C-alpha atoms as a PDB file:
ATOM      1  CA  UNK A   1      73.394 -25.820 -60.012  1.00  0.00           C
ATOM      2  CA  UNK A   2      70.131 -27.739 -60.116  1.00  0.00           C
ATOM      3  CA  UNK A   3      71.631 -30.275 -57.740  1.00  0.00           C
ATOM      4  CA  UNK A   4      72.388 -27.548 -55.185  1.00  0.00           C
ATOM      5  CA  UNK A   5      68.790 -26.320 -55.272  1.00  0.00           C
ATOM      6  CA  UNK A   6      67.493 -29.841 -54.757  1.00  0.00           C
ATOM      7  CA  UNK A   7      69.857 -30.354 -51.783  1.00  0.00           C
ATOM      8  CA  UNK A   8      68.815 -27.040 -50.208  1.00  0.00           C
ATOM      9  CA  UNK A   9      65.125 -27.872 -50.574  1.00  0.00           C
ATOM     10  CA  UNK A  10      65.652 -31.296 -49.025  1.00  0.00           C
ATOM     11  CA  UNK A  11      67.568 -29.783 -46.113  1.00  0.00           C
ATOM     12  CA  UNK A  12      64.795 -27.272 -45.453  1.00  0.00           C
ATOM     13  CA  UNK A  13      62.206 -30.015 -45.468  1.00  0.00           C
ATOM     14  CA  UNK A  14      64.287 -32.098 -43.042  1.00  0.00           C
ATOM     15  CA  UNK A  15      64.687 -29.146 -40.638  1.00  0.00           C
ATOM     16  CA  UNK A  16      60.923 -28.509 -40.775  1.00  0.00           C
ATOM     17  CA  UNK A  17      60.165 -32.152 -40.027  1.00  0.00           C
ATOM     18  CA  UNK A  18      62.498 -32.069 -37.001  1.00  0.00           C
ATOM     19  CA  UNK A  19      60.727 -28.961 -35.677  1.00  0.00           C
ATOM     20  CA  UNK A  20      57.306 -30.579 -36.073  1.00  0.00           C
ATOM     21  CA  UNK A  21      58.515 -33.688 -34.242  1.00  0.00           C
ATOM     22  CA  UNK A  22      59.911 -31.595 -31.374  1.00  0.00           C
ATOM     23  CA  UNK A  23      56.653 -29.688 -31.112  1.00  0.00           C
ATOM     24  CA  UNK A  24      54.747 -32.967 -30.939  1.00  0.00           C
ATOM     25  CA  UNK A  25      56.989 -34.103 -28.068  1.00  0.00           C
ATOM     26  CA  UNK A  26      56.337 -30.931 -25.910  1.00  0.00           C
ATOM     27  CA  UNK A  27      53.945 -31.499 -22.932  1.00  0.00           C
ATOM     28  CA  UNK A  28      50.486 -30.016 -23.173  1.00  0.00           C
ATOM     29  CA  UNK A  29      49.584 -27.230 -20.712  1.00  0.00           C
ATOM     30  CA  UNK A  30      47.930 -28.600 -17.564  1.00  0.00           C
ATOM     31  CA  UNK A  31      44.125 -28.546 -17.495  1.00  0.00           C
ATOM     32  CA  UNK A  32      42.479 -25.914 -15.275  1.00  0.00           C
ATOM     33  CA  UNK A  33      42.005 -27.155 -11.685  1.00  0.00           C
ATOM     34  CA  UNK A  34      38.607 -28.319 -10.571  1.00  0.00           C
ATOM     35  CA  UNK A  35      36.630 -25.734  -8.637  1.00  0.00           C
ATOM     36  CA  UNK A  36      36.714 -26.547  -4.878  1.00  0.00           C
ATOM     37  CA  UNK A  37      33.642 -27.861  -3.170  1.00  0.00           C
ATOM     38  CA  UNK A  38      31.575 -24.935  -1.903  1.00  0.00           C
ATOM     39  CA  UNK A  39      31.553 -24.695   1.885  1.00  0.00           C
ATOM     40  CA  UNK A  40      28.195 -24.465   3.696  1.00  0.00           C
ATOM     41  CA  UNK A  41      27.616 -21.119   5.384  1.00  0.00           C
ATOM     42  CA  UNK A  42      24.789 -20.836   7.928  1.00  0.00           C
ATOM     43  CA  UNK A  43      23.039 -17.663   8.976  1.00  0.00           C
ATOM     44  CA  UNK A  44      24.469 -16.364  12.242  1.00  0.00           C
ATOM     45  CA  UNK A  45      21.247 -16.841  14.260  1.00  0.00           C
ATOM     46  CA  UNK A  46      20.879 -19.791  16.613  1.00  0.00           C
ATOM     47  CA  UNK A  47      18.636 -21.209  19.317  1.00  0.00           C
ATOM     48  CA  UNK A  48      20.020 -22.727  22.502  1.00  0.00           C
ATOM     49  CA  UNK A  49      18.808 -24.876  25.385  1.00  0.00           C
ATOM     50  CA  UNK A  50      20.534 -25.773  28.674  1.00  0.00           C
ATOM     51  CA  UNK A  51      20.025 -28.040  31.672  1.00  0.00           C
ATOM     52  CA  UNK A  52      22.198 -28.440  34.730  1.00  0.00           C
ATOM     53  CA  UNK A  53      22.714 -28.314  38.469  1.00  0.00           C
ATOM     54  CA  UNK A  54      24.198 -25.679  40.722  1.00  0.00           C
ATOM     55  CA  UNK A  55      26.067 -25.897  44.020  1.00  0.00           C
ATOM     56  CA  UNK A  56      24.623 -22.960  45.937  1.00  0.00           C
ATOM     57  CA  UNK A  57      26.554 -20.523  48.082  1.00  0.00           C
ATOM     58  CA  UNK A  58      24.566 -18.709  50.747  1.00  0.00           C
ATOM     59  CA  UNK A  59      25.914 -15.464  52.139  1.00  0.00           C
ATOM     60  CA  UNK A  60      25.578 -14.136  55.668  1.00  0.00           C
ATOM     61  CA  UNK A  61      22.055 -14.316  57.105  1.00  0.00           C
ATOM     62  CA  UNK A  62      20.657 -11.017  58.387  1.00  0.00           C
ATOM     63  CA  UNK A  63      17.486 -10.754  60.510  1.00  0.00           C
ATOM     64  CA  UNK A  64      15.687  -7.423  60.858  1.00  0.00           C
ATOM     65  CA  UNK A  65      12.791  -6.554  63.181  1.00  0.00           C
ATOM     66  CA  UNK A  66      10.316  -3.772  63.792  1.00  0.00           C
ATOM     67  CA  UNK A  67      11.778  -0.620  65.294  1.00  0.00           C
ATOM     68  CA  UNK A  68      12.375  -1.002  69.026  1.00  0.00           C
ATOM     69  CA  UNK A  69      12.013  -4.785  69.028  1.00  0.00           C
ATOM     70  CA  UNK A  70      15.033  -6.568  70.490  1.00  0.00           C
ATOM     71  CA  UNK A  71      15.984 -10.253  70.640  1.00  0.00           C
ATOM     72  CA  UNK A  72      18.576 -10.834  73.402  1.00  0.00           C
ATOM     73  CA  UNK A  73      21.661 -12.808  72.415  1.00  0.00           C
ATOM     74  CA  UNK A  74      20.485 -13.479  68.853  1.00  0.00           C
ATOM     75  CA  UNK A  75      22.911 -15.708  66.927  1.00  0.00           C
ATOM     76  CA  UNK A  76      22.704 -17.702  63.706  1.00  0.00           C
ATOM     77  CA  UNK A  77      23.480 -21.308  64.652  1.00  0.00           C
ATOM     78  CA  UNK A  78      22.963 -22.878  61.223  1.00  0.00           C
ATOM     79  CA  UNK A  79      21.922 -21.816  57.705  1.00  0.00           C
ATOM     80  CA  UNK A  80      21.760 -23.546  54.325  1.00  0.00           C
ATOM     81  CA  UNK A  81      20.214 -23.515  50.867  1.00  0.00           C
ATOM     82  CA  UNK A  82      20.076 -26.830  49.025  1.00  0.00           C
ATOM     83  CA  UNK A  83      21.578 -27.171  45.561  1.00  0.00           C
ATOM     84  CA  UNK A  84      19.348 -26.146  42.660  1.00  0.00           C
ATOM     85  CA  UNK A  85      18.528 -27.676  39.287  1.00  0.00           C
ATOM     86  CA  UNK A  86      17.816 -25.439  36.295  1.00  0.00           C
ATOM     87  CA  UNK A  87      16.484 -25.482  32.745  1.00  0.00           C
ATOM     88  CA  UNK A  88      16.971 -22.643  30.292  1.00  0.00           C
ATOM     89  CA  UNK A  89      16.552 -21.469  26.713  1.00  0.00           C
ATOM     90  CA  UNK A  90      17.659 -18.563  24.575  1.00  0.00           C
ATOM     91  CA  UNK A  91      18.632 -17.234  21.172  1.00  0.00           C
ATOM     92  CA  UNK A  92      21.797 -15.628  19.868  1.00  0.00           C
ATOM     93  CA  UNK A  93      23.997 -14.660  16.944  1.00  0.00           C
ATOM     94  CA  UNK A  94      27.394 -15.956  15.768  1.00  0.00           C
ATOM     95  CA  UNK A  95      29.201 -12.822  14.544  1.00  0.00           C
ATOM     96  CA  UNK A  96      32.380 -14.529  13.269  1.00  0.00           C
ATOM     97  CA  UNK A  97      34.691 -17.470  13.995  1.00  0.00           C
ATOM     98  CA  UNK A  98      35.559 -16.269  17.490  1.00  0.00           C
ATOM     99  CA  UNK A  99      32.701 -14.143  18.912  1.00  0.00           C
ATOM    100  CA  UNK A 100      29.031 -14.868  19.622  1.00  0.00           C
ATOM    101  CA  UNK A 101      26.374 -13.476  21.955  1.00  0.00           C
ATOM    102  CA  UNK A 102      22.954 -14.558  23.199  1.00  0.00           C
ATOM    103  CA  UNK A 103      20.046 -13.750  25.500  1.00  0.00           C
ATOM    104  CA  UNK A 104      19.008 -16.507  27.925  1.00  0.00           C
ATOM    105  CA  UNK A 105      16.325 -17.159  30.497  1.00  0.00           C
ATOM    106  CA  UNK A 106      16.205 -19.999  33.001  1.00  0.00           C
ATOM    107  CA  UNK A 107      14.119 -21.409  35.830  1.00  0.00           C
ATOM    108  CA  UNK A 108      15.895 -22.655  38.960  1.00  0.00           C
ATOM    109  CA  UNK A 109      14.188 -24.881  41.525  1.00  0.00           C
ATOM    110  CA  UNK A 110      14.916 -27.279  44.352  1.00  0.00           C
ATOM    111  CA  UNK A 111      16.537 -24.733  46.678  1.00  0.00           C
ATOM    112  CA  UNK A 112      15.149 -25.634  50.099  1.00  0.00           C
ATOM    113  CA  UNK A 113      16.049 -23.004  52.722  1.00  0.00           C
ATOM    114  CA  UNK A 114      16.723 -23.865  56.383  1.00  0.00           C
ATOM    115  CA  UNK A 115      18.155 -21.924  59.318  1.00  0.00           C
ATOM    116  CA  UNK A 116      18.387 -22.116  63.120  1.00  0.00           C
ATOM    117  CA  UNK A 117      18.731 -19.013  65.291  1.00  0.00           C
ATOM    118  CA  UNK A 118      19.452 -19.049  69.042  1.00  0.00           C
ATOM    119  CA  UNK A 119      18.509 -16.459  71.653  1.00  0.00           C
ATOM    120  CA  UNK A 120      18.345 -16.141  75.416  1.00  0.00           C
ATOM    121  CA  UNK A 121      15.205 -15.381  77.408  1.00  0.00           C
ATOM    122  CA  UNK A 122      13.812 -15.905  80.885  1.00  0.00           C
ATOM    123  CA  UNK A 123      11.052 -18.004  79.293  1.00  0.00           C
ATOM    124  CA  UNK A 124      13.673 -20.686  78.694  1.00  0.00           C
ATOM    125  CA  UNK A 125      14.785 -20.518  82.347  1.00  0.00           C
ATOM    126  CA  UNK A 126      17.930 -18.638  81.424  1.00  0.00           C
ATOM    127  CA  UNK A 127      18.920 -21.275  78.892  1.00  0.00           C
ATOM    128  CA  UNK A 128      19.280 -20.844  75.150  1.00  0.00           C
ATOM    129  CA  UNK A 129      16.174 -21.152  72.983  1.00  0.00           C
ATOM    130  CA  UNK A 130      16.150 -22.031  69.274  1.00  0.00           C
ATOM    131  CA  UNK A 131      13.948 -20.965  66.365  1.00  0.00           C
ATOM    132  CA  UNK A 132      13.847 -23.310  63.355  1.00  0.00           C
ATOM    133  CA  UNK A 133      13.127 -21.804  59.917  1.00  0.00           C
ATOM    134  CA  UNK A 134      12.217 -23.657  56.723  1.00  0.00           C
ATOM    135  CA  UNK A 135      11.154 -22.474  53.278  1.00  0.00           C
ATOM    136  CA  UNK A 136      11.646 -22.911  49.544  1.00  0.00           C
ATOM    137  CA  UNK A 137      13.439 -20.756  46.978  1.00  0.00           C
ATOM    138  CA  UNK A 138      12.571 -20.611  43.280  1.00  0.00           C
ATOM    139  CA  UNK A 139      14.502 -18.329  40.957  1.00  0.00           C
ATOM    140  CA  UNK A 140      14.284 -16.937  37.436  1.00  0.00           C
ATOM    141  CA  UNK A 141      17.476 -15.627  35.821  1.00  0.00           C
ATOM    142  CA  UNK A 142      17.750 -13.558  32.613  1.00  0.00           C
ATOM    143  CA  UNK A 143      21.188 -12.768  31.145  1.00  0.00           C
ATOM    144  CA  UNK A 144      22.815 -11.136  28.129  1.00  0.00           C
ATOM    145  CA  UNK A 145      25.954 -13.195  27.406  1.00  0.00           C
ATOM    146  CA  UNK A 146      29.062 -12.834  25.264  1.00  0.00           C
ATOM    147  CA  UNK A 147      31.485 -15.661  24.378  1.00  0.00           C
ATOM    148  CA  UNK A 148      34.955 -15.862  22.851  1.00  0.00           C
ATOM    149  CA  UNK A 149      35.678 -19.116  20.989  1.00  0.00           C
ATOM    150  CA  UNK A 150      39.368 -20.016  21.239  1.00  0.00           C
ATOM    151  CA  UNK A 151      39.777 -22.113  18.081  1.00  0.00           C
ATOM    152  CA  UNK A 152      38.595 -25.566  17.003  1.00  0.00           C
ATOM    153  CA  UNK A 153      40.575 -28.813  17.175  1.00  0.00           C
ATOM    154  CA  UNK A 154      39.045 -32.117  15.986  1.00  0.00           C
ATOM    155  CA  UNK A 155      35.608 -30.567  16.277  1.00  0.00           C
ATOM    156  CA  UNK A 156      36.159 -29.339  19.860  1.00  0.00           C
ATOM    157  CA  UNK A 157      36.048 -25.593  20.623  1.00  0.00           C
ATOM    158  CA  UNK A 158      37.061 -24.223  24.064  1.00  0.00           C
ATOM    159  CA  UNK A 159      35.395 -20.947  25.026  1.00  0.00           C
ATOM    160  CA  UNK A 160      35.149 -18.350  27.777  1.00  0.00           C
ATOM    161  CA  UNK A 161      32.317 -15.921  28.413  1.00  0.00           C
ATOM    162  CA  UNK A 162      30.564 -13.473  30.711  1.00  0.00           C
ATOM    163  CA  UNK A 163      26.995 -12.341  31.257  1.00  0.00           C
ATOM    164  CA  UNK A 164      24.980  -9.625  32.995  1.00  0.00           C
ATOM    165  CA  UNK A 165      21.277  -9.340  33.746  1.00  0.00           C
ATOM    166  CA  UNK A 166      18.889  -9.836  36.638  1.00  0.00           C
ATOM    167  CA  UNK A 167      17.561 -12.576  38.916  1.00  0.00           C
ATOM    168  CA  UNK A 168      14.183 -12.823  40.609  1.00  0.00           C
ATOM    169  CA  UNK A 169      13.945 -14.941  43.778  1.00  0.00           C
ATOM    170  CA  UNK A 170      10.719 -16.091  45.422  1.00  0.00           C
ATOM    171  CA  UNK A 171      10.967 -17.340  49.004  1.00  0.00           C
ATOM    172  CA  UNK A 172       7.767 -19.219  49.784  1.00  0.00           C
ATOM    173  CA  UNK A 173       6.329 -21.339  52.601  1.00  0.00           C
ATOM    174  CA  UNK A 174       8.633 -19.872  55.258  1.00  0.00           C
ATOM    175  CA  UNK A 175       7.812 -21.125  58.780  1.00  0.00           C
ATOM    176  CA  UNK A 176       9.322 -20.340  62.192  1.00  0.00           C
ATOM    177  CA  UNK A 177       8.978 -23.024  64.899  1.00  0.00           C
ATOM    178  CA  UNK A 178      10.252 -22.830  68.480  1.00  0.00           C
ATOM    179  CA  UNK A 179       9.940 -26.374  69.811  1.00  0.00           C
ATOM    180  CA  UNK A 180      10.920 -25.411  73.365  1.00  0.00           C
ATOM    181  CA  UNK A 181       8.244 -22.767  73.834  1.00  0.00           C
ATOM    182  CA  UNK A 182       5.737 -24.098  71.330  1.00  0.00           C
ATOM    183  CA  UNK A 183       5.944 -20.948  69.261  1.00  0.00           C
ATOM    184  CA  UNK A 184       4.937 -20.863  65.603  1.00  0.00           C
ATOM    185  CA  UNK A 185       5.062 -18.250  62.901  1.00  0.00           C
ATOM    186  CA  UNK A 186       4.929 -17.989  59.138  1.00  0.00           C
ATOM    187  CA  UNK A 187       5.664 -15.489  56.385  1.00  0.00           C
ATOM    188  CA  UNK A 188       3.798 -14.785  53.175  1.00  0.00           C
ATOM    189  CA  UNK A 189       5.544 -15.505  49.876  1.00  0.00           C
ATOM    190  CA  UNK A 190       7.931 -12.737  48.893  1.00  0.00           C
ATOM    191  CA  UNK A 191       9.825 -11.937  45.667  1.00  0.00           C
ATOM    192  CA  UNK A 192      12.929  -9.817  45.135  1.00  0.00           C
ATOM    193  CA  UNK A 193      14.676  -8.843  41.895  1.00  0.00           C
ATOM    194  CA  UNK A 194      18.407  -8.062  41.764  1.00  0.00           C
ATOM    195  CA  UNK A 195      21.302  -7.431  39.410  1.00  0.00           C
ATOM    196  CA  UNK A 196      23.008 -10.720  38.409  1.00  0.00           C
ATOM    197  CA  UNK A 197      26.271 -11.541  36.645  1.00  0.00           C
ATOM    198  CA  UNK A 198      28.104 -14.645  35.465  1.00  0.00           C
ATOM    199  CA  UNK A 199      31.516 -15.916  34.345  1.00  0.00           C
ATOM    200  CA  UNK A 200      31.718 -19.003  32.111  1.00  0.00           C
ATOM    201  CA  UNK A 201      34.138 -21.466  30.518  1.00  0.00           C
ATOM    202  CA  UNK A 202      33.643 -24.729  28.688  1.00  0.00           C
ATOM    203  CA  UNK A 203      33.970 -26.888  25.591  1.00  0.00           C
ATOM    204  CA  UNK A 204      31.788 -27.035  22.493  1.00  0.00           C
ATOM    205  CA  UNK A 205      31.583 -29.990  20.100  1.00  0.00           C
ATOM    206  CA  UNK A 206      30.433 -29.901  16.458  1.00  0.00           C
ATOM    207  CA  UNK A 207      27.961 -32.775  16.135  1.00  0.00           C
ATOM    208  CA  UNK A 208      26.986 -31.557  12.648  1.00  0.00           C
ATOM    209  CA  UNK A 209      27.390 -28.310  10.678  1.00  0.00           C
ATOM    210  CA  UNK A 210      24.310 -26.865  12.392  1.00  0.00           C
ATOM    211  CA  UNK A 211      24.275 -28.612  15.810  1.00  0.00           C
ATOM    212  CA  UNK A 212      26.734 -27.827  18.601  1.00  0.00           C
ATOM    213  CA  UNK A 213      26.861 -29.425  22.052  1.00  0.00           C
ATOM    214  CA  UNK A 214      28.365 -27.616  25.044  1.00  0.00           C
ATOM    215  CA  UNK A 215      29.658 -28.731  28.430  1.00  0.00           C
ATOM    216  CA  UNK A 216      30.476 -25.780  30.641  1.00  0.00           C
ATOM    217  CA  UNK A 217      31.081 -24.321  34.088  1.00  0.00           C
ATOM    218  CA  UNK A 218      29.487 -21.067  35.248  1.00  0.00           C
ATOM    219  CA  UNK A 219      29.848 -18.950  38.361  1.00  0.00           C
ATOM    220  CA  UNK A 220      26.534 -17.145  38.831  1.00  0.00           C
ATOM    221  CA  UNK A 221      26.009 -14.333  41.329  1.00  0.00           C
ATOM    222  CA  UNK A 222      22.261 -13.794  41.828  1.00  0.00           C
ATOM    223  CA  UNK A 223      22.116 -11.018  44.437  1.00  0.00           C
ATOM    224  CA  UNK A 224      19.872 -11.082  47.526  1.00  0.00           C
ATOM    225  CA  UNK A 225      16.967 -13.252  48.685  1.00  0.00           C
ATOM    226  CA  UNK A 226      14.500 -11.648  51.091  1.00  0.00           C
ATOM    227  CA  UNK A 227      11.580 -13.118  53.033  1.00  0.00           C
ATOM    228  CA  UNK A 228       8.261 -11.635  53.938  1.00  0.00           C
ATOM    229  CA  UNK A 229       7.628 -10.540  57.530  1.00  0.00           C
ATOM    230  CA  UNK A 230       7.145 -13.505  59.903  1.00  0.00           C
ATOM    231  CA  UNK A 231       3.816 -13.331  61.760  1.00  0.00           C
ATOM    232  CA  UNK A 232       3.610 -15.017  65.174  1.00  0.00           C
ATOM    233  CA  UNK A 233       0.535 -17.153  65.930  1.00  0.00           C
ATOM    234  CA  UNK A 234       0.458 -17.601  69.699  1.00  0.00           C
ATOM    235  CA  UNK A 235       2.322 -14.689  71.258  1.00  0.00           C
ATOM    236  CA  UNK A 236       1.843 -10.925  71.253  1.00  0.00           C
ATOM    237  CA  UNK A 237       5.613 -10.455  71.337  1.00  0.00           C
ATOM    238  CA  UNK A 238       6.495 -10.597  67.645  1.00  0.00           C
ATOM    239  CA  UNK A 239       8.896  -8.336  65.808  1.00  0.00           C
ATOM    240  CA  UNK A 240       7.813  -9.214  62.243  1.00  0.00           C
ATOM    241  CA  UNK A 241      11.227 -10.710  61.542  1.00  0.00           C
ATOM    242  CA  UNK A 242      12.569 -10.563  57.966  1.00  0.00           C
ATOM    243  CA  UNK A 243      15.408 -12.763  56.652  1.00  0.00           C
ATOM    244  CA  UNK A 244      17.841 -11.525  54.002  1.00  0.00           C
ATOM    245  CA  UNK A 245      20.922 -13.174  52.475  1.00  0.00           C
ATOM    246  CA  UNK A 246      22.881 -13.280  49.191  1.00  0.00           C
ATOM    247  CA  UNK A 247      22.859 -16.242  46.824  1.00  0.00           C
ATOM    248  CA  UNK A 248      25.431 -17.488  44.295  1.00  0.00           C
ATOM    249  CA  UNK A 249      25.994 -20.792  42.505  1.00  0.00           C
ATOM    250  CA  UNK A 250      28.688 -22.919  40.876  1.00  0.00           C
ATOM    251  CA  UNK A 251      26.834 -24.382  37.888  1.00  0.00           C
ATOM    252  CA  UNK A 252      27.600 -27.352  35.663  1.00  0.00           C
ATOM    253  CA  UNK A 253      25.715 -26.947  32.359  1.00  0.00           C
ATOM    254  CA  UNK A 254      24.951 -29.216  29.410  1.00  0.00           C
ATOM    255  CA  UNK A 255      23.604 -27.345  26.425  1.00  0.00           C
ATOM    256  CA  UNK A 256      23.010 -27.344  22.690  1.00  0.00           C
ATOM    257  CA  UNK A 257      23.026 -24.686  19.969  1.00  0.00           C
ATOM    258  CA  UNK A 258      21.008 -25.121  16.780  1.00  0.00           C
ATOM    259  CA  UNK A 259      22.084 -22.910  13.875  1.00  0.00           C
ATOM    260  CA  UNK A 260      19.133 -21.426  11.977  1.00  0.00           C
ATOM    261  CA  UNK A 261      18.513 -20.663   8.309  1.00  0.00           C
ATOM    262  CA  UNK A 262      19.969 -23.774   6.634  1.00  0.00           C
ATOM    263  CA  UNK A 263      23.125 -23.849   4.531  1.00  0.00           C
ATOM    264  CA  UNK A 264      23.695 -21.342   1.738  1.00  0.00           C
ATOM    265  CA  UNK A 265      26.525 -22.306  -0.617  1.00  0.00           C
ATOM    266  CA  UNK A 266      29.016 -19.661  -1.689  1.00  0.00           C
ATOM    267  CA  UNK A 267      31.301 -21.001  -4.458  1.00  0.00           C
ATOM    268  CA  UNK A 268      34.899 -19.875  -4.492  1.00  0.00           C
ATOM    269  CA  UNK A 269      36.393 -18.428  -7.704  1.00  0.00           C
ATOM    270  CA  UNK A 270      38.567 -21.056  -9.465  1.00  0.00           C
ATOM    271  CA  UNK A 271      42.261 -20.285  -9.836  1.00  0.00           C
ATOM    272  CA  UNK A 272      43.624 -19.763 -13.345  1.00  0.00           C
ATOM    273  CA  UNK A 273      46.255 -22.269 -14.568  1.00  0.00           C
ATOM    274  CA  UNK A 274      49.888 -21.286 -14.407  1.00  0.00           C
ATOM    275  CA  UNK A 275      51.261 -20.565 -17.929  1.00  0.00           C
ATOM    276  CA  UNK A 276      54.897 -21.250 -18.585  1.00  0.00           C
ATOM    277  CA  UNK A 277      57.075 -20.110 -21.432  1.00  0.00           C
ATOM    278  CA  UNK A 278      59.227 -22.686 -23.130  1.00  0.00           C
END
C-alpha cells in the first residue's frame, strides 16, 4: 500500500515536470510594435512667386472718331502686340490633398503696340495713304485662382486650375505718323480695367516638405485695351481717333510655393499587439 502511494506521488511529480518543460518551450508573445515616425504637417497657408513669358493674341482693331468725321476707305493693313514678360506674387491656402486656392497679382511689360491703317484721299493724288501707329502696353492682372491636384508620383504632382479677376492696361506713348503727307499726331496715356479669366495646367515638384516648384501653362484673357484720343499737330482735319482691341496671352510660367508655419508633428496612436490563444 505504501508502495502504491509512493508510485502515485512520483507519477504526479513527473507529469508536473513535463508541464513546466512544455510551458518553458512556448514562444513569448511578440513585443508591442514601435510607434511610427510622426509625419510633418504644415499649416495650409503658403506664399507664391511666378515669372514667365506670354505669347500675346491681339483681337480685331477698331478705330472710332468724332461724330460726323469720316475716313474714306479706312482699312487695317497691319497690327501687332509684342510678347510680354511678367512677374507675380500671391498667397493661398492648401485645403486638403487635392484642392488649393490663392490670390495673385502680376505686372506685365514689354508689349510694344504697332499698327498701320490705309485710307484714300485726294491729298495722296488718288493713291492710298498710310498712317503708322506705335505705342507701349503695360498691364497689371489680379486673379482669384483654384487648383485641383491630381495625385503625386515620385514627388511630381500634375494639376489643373482656373482663375477670375480683372486686368488693367495702360497704353502709353501712342504716336500716329503719316510719312507721305508729313502728318503727325499723338495720344495721351490711357488706362482701362476689364474682367479677366484664366485656365491653367502644369506640374508641381516637391523640392522639400515646405517648398514646391511649378512649371505651368496658362491661357489668360485680359479684355480690352483702349487708347486716348489722337491729337493731330499740323492739320485742322482731325477726328480724335481712338484705338480699341482685345488682348489675350498663352503664358509659360515658372513658380514656387513656400508653405508657412513650420512643421507640427502629430503622432499616430500605436497599434496594440495581437493576442493569440494557445
